[in-house]
Amino acid sequence: MAEKIDFLILYDLKADLKEEAIKTIIEKLEQENYLNDKEQFFKDVVERESKYPTYIGYGIGLPHSQSIGVNKPCVAISRLKNSIDWTAEKEKVDTIFLIAVPKESKDNLHLKILAKLSRLLMHEDFREGVKNLKEKELLELLNKKIEE
């Protein structure tokens, strides 16, 4: 992938509802200066999620948005303290990959990230790494795999 993607990792995220989890992750993205309008980004993510929930199986949610509220691309990976309902069918999620990409990004960056992560998450060893590795090792794994 041509453009460098930052990863932000949050462990033991406490949330009871999907929107609460997304909002908490967005707060962290704002603190780390990835956003210029957290309300707009939250609105864009929730709107996208309401049309097509991003549950991909294996306890993983993959919410995303290309938004004017984002000023720098980032993927926030969050491990939840407890699993939460992600879909109307009550499919549970304990790991969230929130993809934040600026509206003006070139070359469909958010779709490239989404496709790459979706492919990687089909592999059990990658999912196990995401769910179990400590931050430094997880960052190394993500940076290596995304660049491949």
Protein backbone atom coordinates (compact mmCIF):
# COMPACT_ATOMS: atom_id res chain seq x y z
CA MET A 1 0.00 0.00 0.00
CA ALA A 2 1.51 3.29 -1.10
CA GLU A 3 0.22 5.54 1.69
CA LYS A 4 1.48 4.86 5.21
CA ILE A 5 -1.29 3.77 7.53
CA ASP A 6 -1.12 4.43 11.26
CA PHE A 7 -2.50 1.93 13.75
CA LEU A 8 -3.91 2.84 17.15
CA ILE A 9 -4.47 0.01 19.61
CA LEU A 10 -6.92 0.13 22.51
CA TYR A 11 -7.06 -2.73 25.00
CA ASP A 12 -9.87 -3.58 27.42
CA LEU A 13 -12.34 -1.12 25.94
CA LYS A 14 -15.43 -0.99 28.11
CA ALA A 15 -18.73 -0.61 26.26
CA ASP A 16 -22.19 -2.16 26.38
CA LEU A 17 -23.46 -0.96 22.99
CA LYS A 18 -21.99 -0.71 19.51
CA GLU A 19 -22.44 3.09 19.30
CA GLU A 20 -20.81 3.50 22.71
CA ALA A 21 -17.78 1.47 21.58
CA ILE A 22 -17.49 3.45 18.34
CA LYS A 23 -17.80 6.76 20.22
CA THR A 24 -15.06 5.73 22.70
CA ILE A 25 -12.70 4.77 19.87
CA ILE A 26 -13.45 8.05 18.09
CA GLU A 27 -12.62 9.99 21.28
CA LYS A 28 -9.20 8.32 21.29
CA LEU A 29 -8.69 9.09 17.59
CA GLU A 30 -9.46 12.74 18.34
CA GLN A 31 -7.01 12.81 21.27
CA GLU A 32 -4.32 11.48 18.93
CA ASN A 33 -5.11 14.19 16.31
CA TYR A 34 -6.48 11.94 13.58
CA LEU A 35 -9.76 13.85 13.47
CA ASN A 36 -10.79 17.43 12.88
CA ASP A 37 -14.51 16.86 13.53
CA LYS A 38 -15.32 13.89 15.74
CA GLU A 39 -19.10 14.49 15.61
CA GLN A 40 -19.06 14.39 11.81
CA PHE A 41 -16.93 11.25 11.73
CA PHE A 42 -19.18 9.53 14.31
CA LYS A 43 -22.25 10.48 12.26
CA ASP A 44 -20.65 9.12 9.06
CA VAL A 45 -19.60 5.82 10.70
CA VAL A 46 -22.98 5.24 12.39
CA GLU A 47 -24.86 6.11 9.20
CA ARG A 48 -22.75 3.63 7.21
CA GLU A 49 -23.18 1.01 9.95
CA SER A 50 -26.99 1.46 10.02
CA LYS A 51 -27.22 0.63 6.31
CA TYR A 52 -24.92 -2.40 6.34
CA PRO A 53 -23.52 -3.66 9.66
CA THR A 54 -19.84 -4.49 9.32
CA TYR A 55 -19.81 -7.73 11.27
CA ILE A 56 -17.45 -10.08 9.39
CA GLY A 57 -17.61 -13.11 11.68
CA TYR A 58 -15.07 -14.37 14.23
CA GLY A 59 -16.25 -11.76 16.76
CA ILE A 60 -14.95 -8.90 14.60
CA GLY A 61 -16.59 -5.64 13.54
CA LEU A 62 -15.04 -3.56 10.78
CA PRO A 63 -16.75 -0.13 10.85
CA HIS A 64 -15.34 2.45 8.47
CA SER A 65 -15.89 5.76 6.81
CA GLN A 66 -14.26 8.11 4.39
CA SER A 67 -15.16 11.38 6.11
CA ILE A 68 -14.47 15.11 6.10
CA GLY A 69 -14.13 14.67 9.89
CA VAL A 70 -10.84 12.77 9.41
CA ASN A 71 -7.58 14.58 8.73
CA LYS A 72 -5.14 11.63 8.71
CA PRO A 73 -5.74 7.93 7.89
CA CYS A 74 -5.71 5.51 10.79
CA VAL A 75 -7.00 2.08 11.75
CA ALA A 76 -7.95 1.79 15.42
CA ILE A 77 -7.94 -1.77 16.72
CA SER A 78 -9.92 -2.24 19.91
CA ARG A 79 -10.25 -5.30 22.08
CA LEU A 80 -13.38 -5.10 24.18
CA LYS A 81 -13.55 -6.17 27.83
CA ASN A 82 -16.85 -7.93 27.06
CA SER A 83 -18.41 -8.85 23.74
CA ILE A 84 -21.32 -6.70 22.55
CA ASP A 85 -24.19 -7.17 20.10
CA TRP A 86 -23.15 -5.87 16.69
CA THR A 87 -26.12 -6.75 14.50
CA ALA A 88 -29.90 -6.96 14.81
CA GLU A 89 -29.39 -10.74 14.89
CA LYS A 90 -27.29 -10.23 18.05
CA GLU A 91 -24.02 -11.37 16.48
CA LYS A 92 -21.34 -10.64 19.09
CA VAL A 93 -18.15 -8.63 18.61
CA ASP A 94 -15.14 -8.49 20.91
CA THR A 95 -12.67 -6.91 18.48
CA ILE A 96 -13.24 -3.77 16.43
CA PHE A 97 -11.19 -2.40 13.54
CA LEU A 98 -12.36 1.19 12.97
CA ILE A 99 -11.03 2.54 9.67
CA ALA A 100 -10.80 6.34 9.50
CA VAL A 101 -9.83 7.89 6.16
CA PRO A 102 -10.08 11.52 4.99
CA LYS A 103 -12.81 12.22 2.43
CA GLU A 104 -10.24 13.52 -0.05
CA SER A 105 -7.97 10.44 0.03
CA LYS A 106 -6.61 9.27 -3.30
CA ASP A 107 -6.94 5.85 -4.90
CA ASN A 108 -9.87 4.60 -2.79
CA LEU A 109 -7.59 4.23 0.24
CA HIS A 110 -10.38 3.18 2.60
CA LEU A 111 -11.48 0.42 0.21
CA LYS A 112 -7.90 -0.80 -0.14
CA ILE A 113 -7.50 -0.93 3.66
CA LEU A 114 -10.87 -2.65 4.03
CA ALA A 115 -10.04 -5.25 1.38
CA LYS A 116 -6.57 -5.93 2.83
CA LEU A 117 -7.87 -6.32 6.40
CA SER A 118 -10.76 -8.51 5.23
CA ARG A 119 -8.32 -10.84 3.48
CA LEU A 120 -5.96 -10.95 6.46
CA LEU A 121 -8.80 -11.60 8.92
CA MET A 122 -9.77 -14.75 7.02
CA HIS A 123 -6.57 -16.33 8.37
CA GLU A 124 -6.83 -17.83 11.84
CA ASP A 125 -3.18 -17.09 12.74
CA PHE A 126 -3.69 -13.38 11.97
CA ARG A 127 -6.94 -13.24 14.00
CA GLU A 128 -5.23 -14.98 16.92
CA GLY A 129 -2.41 -12.44 16.75
CA VAL A 130 -4.86 -9.56 16.78
CA LYS A 131 -6.71 -11.01 19.76
CA ASN A 132 -3.67 -12.08 21.81
CA LEU A 133 -0.46 -10.18 21.00
CA LYS A 134 0.84 -7.34 23.14
CA GLU A 135 0.87 -3.87 21.55
CA LYS A 136 4.45 -3.83 20.20
CA GLU A 137 4.15 -7.29 18.61
CA LEU A 138 0.69 -6.49 17.24
CA LEU A 139 1.94 -3.26 15.64
CA GLU A 140 4.83 -5.18 14.05
CA LEU A 141 2.41 -7.81 12.69
CA LEU A 142 0.02 -5.18 11.31
CA ASN A 143 2.73 -3.08 9.66
CA LYS A 144 4.32 -6.16 8.10
CA LYS A 145 1.07 -7.68 6.81
CA ILE A 146 -0.44 -4.44 5.50
CA GLU A 147 2.71 -3.74 3.46
CA GLU A 148 2.78 -7.23 1.88
